[in-house]
Amino acid sequence: MNKAPTVELKLPILKNMELVATQTSEVVSKHMSLTDEQSGEISMALIEACINAFEHSETKNEVYIHFIISDDELTIKVIDKGKGFDASKIKIPEIENKINTNERKRGWGLMLIKELMDSVDFESDHTGTTLTMVKKKDNNE
Protein backbone atom coordinates (compact mmCIF):
# COMPACT_ATOMS: atom_id res chain seq x y z
CA MET A 1 0.00 0.00 0.00
CA ASN A 2 1.30 3.46 -0.89
CA LYS A 3 1.91 5.95 1.86
CA ALA A 4 -0.51 8.89 1.70
CA PRO A 5 1.13 11.94 0.11
CA THR A 6 1.99 14.49 2.79
CA VAL A 7 2.89 18.16 2.55
CA GLU A 8 4.81 19.46 5.56
CA LEU A 9 5.27 23.13 6.41
CA LYS A 10 7.44 24.67 9.09
CA LEU A 11 6.23 28.21 9.75
CA PRO A 12 8.16 30.76 11.76
CA ILE A 13 5.97 32.79 14.09
CA LEU A 14 5.78 35.92 11.98
CA LYS A 15 2.89 38.19 11.06
CA ASN A 16 0.59 36.76 8.36
CA MET A 17 2.53 33.49 8.16
CA GLU A 18 -0.78 31.61 8.45
CA LEU A 19 -1.43 32.76 4.86
CA VAL A 20 1.34 30.40 3.68
CA ALA A 21 -0.68 27.59 5.26
CA THR A 22 -3.92 28.66 3.57
CA GLN A 23 -2.22 28.97 0.17
CA THR A 24 -0.97 25.42 0.63
CA SER A 25 -4.42 24.19 1.69
CA GLU A 26 -5.94 25.74 -1.45
CA VAL A 27 -3.45 23.91 -3.69
CA VAL A 28 -4.07 20.64 -1.82
CA SER A 29 -7.86 21.15 -2.01
CA LYS A 30 -7.65 21.64 -5.79
CA HIS A 31 -5.46 18.55 -6.11
CA MET A 32 -8.11 16.57 -4.22
CA SER A 33 -10.99 18.10 -6.24
CA LEU A 34 -12.67 19.47 -3.12
CA THR A 35 -15.41 22.04 -3.63
CA ASP A 36 -14.71 25.76 -3.28
CA GLU A 37 -16.87 25.71 -0.17
CA GLN A 38 -14.82 22.90 1.38
CA SER A 39 -11.61 24.68 0.45
CA GLY A 40 -12.86 27.88 2.10
CA GLU A 41 -13.87 26.04 5.27
CA ILE A 42 -10.45 24.41 5.47
CA SER A 43 -8.72 27.79 5.02
CA MET A 44 -10.83 29.42 7.76
CA ALA A 45 -10.21 26.54 10.18
CA LEU A 46 -6.50 26.61 9.39
CA ILE A 47 -6.22 30.36 10.04
CA GLU A 48 -7.88 29.88 13.45
CA ALA A 49 -5.62 26.92 14.27
CA CYS A 50 -2.46 28.80 13.28
CA ILE A 51 -3.42 31.92 15.21
CA ASN A 52 -4.18 29.78 18.27
CA ALA A 53 -0.79 28.10 18.00
CA PHE A 54 1.02 31.40 17.40
CA GLU A 55 -0.71 33.25 20.23
CA HIS A 56 -1.34 30.68 22.93
CA SER A 57 1.42 28.09 22.74
CA GLU A 58 4.10 30.54 23.89
CA THR A 59 6.51 28.67 21.66
CA LYS A 60 9.46 30.74 20.48
CA ASN A 61 10.06 28.38 17.59
CA GLU A 62 7.99 27.46 14.64
CA VAL A 63 4.65 25.81 14.11
CA TYR A 64 4.49 22.69 11.94
CA ILE A 65 1.60 21.92 9.62
CA HIS A 66 1.14 18.54 7.97
CA PHE A 67 -1.40 17.98 5.19
CA ILE A 68 -2.05 14.24 4.81
CA ILE A 69 -3.89 13.49 1.58
CA SER A 70 -5.97 10.36 1.07
CA ASP A 71 -8.59 9.37 -1.49
CA ASP A 72 -11.51 10.29 0.72
CA GLU A 73 -10.28 12.90 3.18
CA LEU A 74 -7.71 15.54 4.02
CA THR A 75 -6.12 15.40 7.47
CA ILE A 76 -4.34 18.51 8.71
CA LYS A 77 -2.15 18.47 11.79
CA VAL A 78 -1.07 21.76 13.39
CA ILE A 79 1.79 21.05 15.78
CA ASP A 80 3.52 23.39 18.19
CA LYS A 81 6.21 22.72 20.76
CA GLY A 82 4.69 25.15 23.24
CA LYS A 83 3.48 24.88 26.81
CA GLY A 84 0.31 22.94 26.01
CA PHE A 85 -3.10 23.55 27.55
CA ASP A 86 -5.73 21.84 29.63
CA ALA A 87 -8.72 21.30 27.37
CA SER A 88 -11.08 21.08 30.34
CA LYS A 89 -10.26 24.71 31.23
CA ILE A 90 -11.30 26.08 27.85
CA LYS A 91 -14.62 27.84 28.11
CA ILE A 92 -16.78 28.51 25.10
CA PRO A 93 -17.62 32.20 25.36
CA GLU A 94 -21.24 33.13 25.86
CA ILE A 95 -22.29 35.23 22.93
CA GLU A 96 -24.77 37.35 24.92
CA ASN A 97 -22.01 38.40 27.30
CA LYS A 98 -19.71 39.47 24.50
CA ILE A 99 -22.00 41.34 22.13
CA ASN A 100 -22.88 44.33 24.26
CA THR A 101 -19.59 44.73 26.10
CA ASN A 102 -16.10 45.97 25.41
CA GLU A 103 -14.79 42.53 26.27
CA ARG A 104 -12.54 41.24 23.51
CA LYS A 105 -14.51 39.25 20.98
CA ARG A 106 -12.16 36.31 21.24
CA GLY A 107 -12.25 32.70 22.29
CA TRP A 108 -14.22 31.32 19.36
CA GLY A 109 -11.33 29.55 17.62
CA LEU A 110 -11.87 25.93 18.65
CA MET A 111 -15.65 26.20 18.36
CA LEU A 112 -15.31 27.63 14.86
CA ILE A 113 -12.79 24.97 13.82
CA LYS A 114 -15.16 22.23 15.04
CA GLU A 115 -17.99 23.84 13.06
CA LEU A 116 -15.95 24.02 9.84
CA MET A 117 -14.26 20.61 9.85
CA ASP A 118 -15.70 17.08 9.93
CA SER A 119 -13.64 16.03 12.92
CA VAL A 120 -11.30 17.82 15.30
CA ASP A 121 -9.08 16.27 17.90
CA PHE A 122 -6.17 17.49 19.96
CA GLU A 123 -3.49 16.18 22.20
CA SER A 124 -1.71 18.57 24.51
CA ASP A 125 0.83 18.39 27.28
CA HIS A 126 3.84 20.35 28.51
CA THR A 127 5.79 19.46 25.33
CA GLY A 128 3.25 21.03 22.98
CA THR A 129 -0.05 20.60 21.23
CA THR A 130 -1.12 18.69 18.13
CA LEU A 131 -4.47 19.71 16.64
CA THR A 132 -5.79 17.21 14.09
CA MET A 133 -8.54 18.36 11.72
CA VAL A 134 -10.21 16.21 9.07
CA LYS A 135 -12.28 17.27 6.06
CA LYS A 136 -14.06 14.41 4.30
CA LYS A 137 -14.16 14.63 0.54
CA ASP A 138 -17.78 13.80 -0.22
CA ASN A 139 -19.78 14.69 2.85
CA ASN A 140 -22.13 16.87 0.83
CA GLU A 141 -23.16 14.53 -1.96
C-alpha atoms as a PDB file:
ATOM      1  CA  MET A   1       0.000   0.000   0.000  1.00  0.00           C
ATOM      2  CA  ASN A   2       1.305   3.464  -0.893  1.00  0.00           C
ATOM      3  CA  LYS A   3       1.910   5.951   1.864  1.00  0.00           C
ATOM      4  CA  ALA A   4      -0.514   8.888   1.698  1.00  0.00           C
ATOM      5  CA  PRO A   5       1.131  11.937   0.110  1.00  0.00           C
ATOM      6  CA  THR A   6       1.993  14.488   2.791  1.00  0.00           C
ATOM      7  CA  VAL A   7       2.893  18.164   2.549  1.00  0.00           C
ATOM      8  CA  GLU A   8       4.815  19.463   5.564  1.00  0.00           C
ATOM      9  CA  LEU A   9       5.271  23.134   6.406  1.00  0.00           C
ATOM     10  CA  LYS A  10       7.443  24.669   9.087  1.00  0.00           C
ATOM     11  CA  LEU A  11       6.230  28.208   9.748  1.00  0.00           C
ATOM     12  CA  PRO A  12       8.162  30.756  11.758  1.00  0.00           C
ATOM     13  CA  ILE A  13       5.971  32.792  14.088  1.00  0.00           C
ATOM     14  CA  LEU A  14       5.779  35.917  11.977  1.00  0.00           C
ATOM     15  CA  LYS A  15       2.886  38.193  11.063  1.00  0.00           C
ATOM     16  CA  ASN A  16       0.591  36.761   8.357  1.00  0.00           C
ATOM     17  CA  MET A  17       2.529  33.492   8.157  1.00  0.00           C
ATOM     18  CA  GLU A  18      -0.776  31.605   8.452  1.00  0.00           C
ATOM     19  CA  LEU A  19      -1.427  32.756   4.860  1.00  0.00           C
ATOM     20  CA  VAL A  20       1.336  30.404   3.682  1.00  0.00           C
ATOM     21  CA  ALA A  21      -0.681  27.595   5.263  1.00  0.00           C
ATOM     22  CA  THR A  22      -3.920  28.655   3.570  1.00  0.00           C
ATOM     23  CA  GLN A  23      -2.225  28.970   0.168  1.00  0.00           C
ATOM     24  CA  THR A  24      -0.970  25.417   0.633  1.00  0.00           C
ATOM     25  CA  SER A  25      -4.415  24.189   1.695  1.00  0.00           C
ATOM     26  CA  GLU A  26      -5.937  25.739  -1.447  1.00  0.00           C
ATOM     27  CA  VAL A  27      -3.447  23.913  -3.687  1.00  0.00           C
ATOM     28  CA  VAL A  28      -4.065  20.636  -1.823  1.00  0.00           C
ATOM     29  CA  SER A  29      -7.863  21.152  -2.011  1.00  0.00           C
ATOM     30  CA  LYS A  30      -7.652  21.640  -5.794  1.00  0.00           C
ATOM     31  CA  HIS A  31      -5.462  18.551  -6.114  1.00  0.00           C
ATOM     32  CA  MET A  32      -8.113  16.573  -4.223  1.00  0.00           C
ATOM     33  CA  SER A  33     -10.990  18.097  -6.242  1.00  0.00           C
ATOM     34  CA  LEU A  34     -12.667  19.470  -3.124  1.00  0.00           C
ATOM     35  CA  THR A  35     -15.411  22.039  -3.634  1.00  0.00           C
ATOM     36  CA  ASP A  36     -14.707  25.763  -3.284  1.00  0.00           C
ATOM     37  CA  GLU A  37     -16.875  25.714  -0.171  1.00  0.00           C
ATOM     38  CA  GLN A  38     -14.823  22.903   1.383  1.00  0.00           C
ATOM     39  CA  SER A  39     -11.611  24.684   0.449  1.00  0.00           C
ATOM     40  CA  GLY A  40     -12.861  27.884   2.100  1.00  0.00           C
ATOM     41  CA  GLU A  41     -13.874  26.042   5.266  1.00  0.00           C
ATOM     42  CA  ILE A  42     -10.446  24.413   5.467  1.00  0.00           C
ATOM     43  CA  SER A  43      -8.725  27.790   5.022  1.00  0.00           C
ATOM     44  CA  MET A  44     -10.827  29.417   7.762  1.00  0.00           C
ATOM     45  CA  ALA A  45     -10.208  26.540  10.179  1.00  0.00           C
ATOM     46  CA  LEU A  46      -6.500  26.614   9.390  1.00  0.00           C
ATOM     47  CA  ILE A  47      -6.222  30.360  10.041  1.00  0.00           C
ATOM     48  CA  GLU A  48      -7.882  29.879  13.447  1.00  0.00           C
ATOM     49  CA  ALA A  49      -5.625  26.919  14.274  1.00  0.00           C
ATOM     50  CA  CYS A  50      -2.459  28.801  13.277  1.00  0.00           C
ATOM     51  CA  ILE A  51      -3.420  31.920  15.206  1.00  0.00           C
ATOM     52  CA  ASN A  52      -4.185  29.781  18.272  1.00  0.00           C
ATOM     53  CA  ALA A  53      -0.793  28.097  18.002  1.00  0.00           C
ATOM     54  CA  PHE A  54       1.022  31.402  17.400  1.00  0.00           C
ATOM     55  CA  GLU A  55      -0.711  33.254  20.232  1.00  0.00           C
ATOM     56  CA  HIS A  56      -1.344  30.679  22.929  1.00  0.00           C
ATOM     57  CA  SER A  57       1.419  28.087  22.739  1.00  0.00           C
ATOM     58  CA  GLU A  58       4.098  30.544  23.890  1.00  0.00           C
ATOM     59  CA  THR A  59       6.514  28.670  21.657  1.00  0.00           C
ATOM     60  CA  LYS A  60       9.456  30.736  20.482  1.00  0.00           C
ATOM     61  CA  ASN A  61      10.064  28.383  17.594  1.00  0.00           C
ATOM     62  CA  GLU A  62       7.989  27.460  14.641  1.00  0.00           C
ATOM     63  CA  VAL A  63       4.645  25.807  14.109  1.00  0.00           C
ATOM     64  CA  TYR A  64       4.487  22.691  11.939  1.00  0.00           C
ATOM     65  CA  ILE A  65       1.595  21.921   9.622  1.00  0.00           C
ATOM     66  CA  HIS A  66       1.142  18.541   7.967  1.00  0.00           C
ATOM     67  CA  PHE A  67      -1.396  17.979   5.188  1.00  0.00           C
ATOM     68  CA  ILE A  68      -2.052  14.241   4.805  1.00  0.00           C
ATOM     69  CA  ILE A  69      -3.887  13.492   1.581  1.00  0.00           C
ATOM     70  CA  SER A  70      -5.966  10.356   1.065  1.00  0.00           C
ATOM     71  CA  ASP A  71      -8.588   9.372  -1.487  1.00  0.00           C
ATOM     72  CA  ASP A  72     -11.513  10.288   0.722  1.00  0.00           C
ATOM     73  CA  GLU A  73     -10.281  12.898   3.180  1.00  0.00           C
ATOM     74  CA  LEU A  74      -7.713  15.539   4.024  1.00  0.00           C
ATOM     75  CA  THR A  75      -6.124  15.403   7.473  1.00  0.00           C
ATOM     76  CA  ILE A  76      -4.343  18.506   8.709  1.00  0.00           C
ATOM     77  CA  LYS A  77      -2.146  18.472  11.794  1.00  0.00           C
ATOM     78  CA  VAL A  78      -1.066  21.757  13.390  1.00  0.00           C
ATOM     79  CA  ILE A  79       1.794  21.049  15.778  1.00  0.00           C
ATOM     80  CA  ASP A  80       3.524  23.392  18.187  1.00  0.00           C
ATOM     81  CA  LYS A  81       6.211  22.717  20.765  1.00  0.00           C
ATOM     82  CA  GLY A  82       4.687  25.150  23.244  1.00  0.00           C
ATOM     83  CA  LYS A  83       3.483  24.883  26.812  1.00  0.00           C
ATOM     84  CA  GLY A  84       0.315  22.938  26.014  1.00  0.00           C
ATOM     85  CA  PHE A  85      -3.098  23.546  27.554  1.00  0.00           C
ATOM     86  CA  ASP A  86      -5.732  21.839  29.628  1.00  0.00           C
ATOM     87  CA  ALA A  87      -8.722  21.298  27.367  1.00  0.00           C
ATOM     88  CA  SER A  88     -11.079  21.081  30.337  1.00  0.00           C
ATOM     89  CA  LYS A  89     -10.265  24.707  31.227  1.00  0.00           C
ATOM     90  CA  ILE A  90     -11.300  26.083  27.847  1.00  0.00           C
ATOM     91  CA  LYS A  91     -14.618  27.842  28.112  1.00  0.00           C
ATOM     92  CA  ILE A  92     -16.780  28.506  25.103  1.00  0.00           C
ATOM     93  CA  PRO A  93     -17.618  32.202  25.360  1.00  0.00           C
ATOM     94  CA  GLU A  94     -21.241  33.127  25.863  1.00  0.00           C
ATOM     95  CA  ILE A  95     -22.289  35.229  22.925  1.00  0.00           C
ATOM     96  CA  GLU A  96     -24.766  37.350  24.920  1.00  0.00           C
ATOM     97  CA  ASN A  97     -22.014  38.399  27.303  1.00  0.00           C
ATOM     98  CA  LYS A  98     -19.706  39.473  24.499  1.00  0.00           C
ATOM     99  CA  ILE A  99     -21.996  41.335  22.132  1.00  0.00           C
ATOM    100  CA  ASN A 100     -22.881  44.335  24.257  1.00  0.00           C
ATOM    101  CA  THR A 101     -19.590  44.732  26.097  1.00  0.00           C
ATOM    102  CA  ASN A 102     -16.100  45.966  25.407  1.00  0.00           C
ATOM    103  CA  GLU A 103     -14.794  42.528  26.267  1.00  0.00           C
ATOM    104  CA  ARG A 104     -12.540  41.238  23.513  1.00  0.00           C
ATOM    105  CA  LYS A 105     -14.513  39.252  20.977  1.00  0.00           C
ATOM    106  CA  ARG A 106     -12.161  36.314  21.235  1.00  0.00           C
ATOM    107  CA  GLY A 107     -12.251  32.695  22.286  1.00  0.00           C
ATOM    108  CA  TRP A 108     -14.223  31.321  19.356  1.00  0.00           C
ATOM    109  CA  GLY A 109     -11.335  29.547  17.620  1.00  0.00           C
ATOM    110  CA  LEU A 110     -11.874  25.935  18.655  1.00  0.00           C
ATOM    111  CA  MET A 111     -15.649  26.196  18.356  1.00  0.00           C
ATOM    112  CA  LEU A 112     -15.309  27.629  14.857  1.00  0.00           C
ATOM    113  CA  ILE A 113     -12.789  24.967  13.816  1.00  0.00           C
ATOM    114  CA  LYS A 114     -15.163  22.229  15.040  1.00  0.00           C
ATOM    115  CA  GLU A 115     -17.988  23.835  13.058  1.00  0.00           C
ATOM    116  CA  LEU A 116     -15.947  24.023   9.839  1.00  0.00           C
ATOM    117  CA  MET A 117     -14.264  20.614   9.846  1.00  0.00           C
ATOM    118  CA  ASP A 118     -15.699  17.083   9.930  1.00  0.00           C
ATOM    119  CA  SER A 119     -13.643  16.035  12.922  1.00  0.00           C
ATOM    120  CA  VAL A 120     -11.300  17.818  15.300  1.00  0.00           C
ATOM    121  CA  ASP A 121      -9.079  16.271  17.901  1.00  0.00           C
ATOM    122  CA  PHE A 122      -6.169  17.489  19.956  1.00  0.00           C
ATOM    123  CA  GLU A 123      -3.486  16.178  22.205  1.00  0.00           C
ATOM    124  CA  SER A 124      -1.714  18.573  24.506  1.00  0.00           C
ATOM    125  CA  ASP A 125       0.832  18.387  27.283  1.00  0.00           C
ATOM    126  CA  HIS A 126       3.840  20.354  28.507  1.00  0.00           C
ATOM    127  CA  THR A 127       5.793  19.458  25.333  1.00  0.00           C
ATOM    128  CA  GLY A 128       3.254  21.033  22.985  1.00  0.00           C
ATOM    129  CA  THR A 129      -0.053  20.596  21.228  1.00  0.00           C
ATOM    130  CA  THR A 130      -1.122  18.690  18.131  1.00  0.00           C
ATOM    131  CA  LEU A 131      -4.466  19.708  16.637  1.00  0.00           C
ATOM    132  CA  THR A 132      -5.787  17.206  14.090  1.00  0.00           C
ATOM    133  CA  MET A 133      -8.541  18.357  11.723  1.00  0.00           C
ATOM    134  CA  VAL A 134     -10.215  16.211   9.070  1.00  0.00           C
ATOM    135  CA  LYS A 135     -12.283  17.272   6.063  1.00  0.00           C
ATOM    136  CA  LYS A 136     -14.056  14.411   4.299  1.00  0.00           C
ATOM    137  CA  LYS A 137     -14.160  14.631   0.541  1.00  0.00           C
ATOM    138  CA  ASP A 138     -17.777  13.797  -0.222  1.00  0.00           C
ATOM    139  CA  ASN A 139     -19.778  14.693   2.852  1.00  0.00           C
ATOM    140  CA  ASN A 140     -22.125  16.868   0.832  1.00  0.00           C
ATOM    141  CA  GLU A 141     -23.160  14.530  -1.964  1.00  0.00           C
END
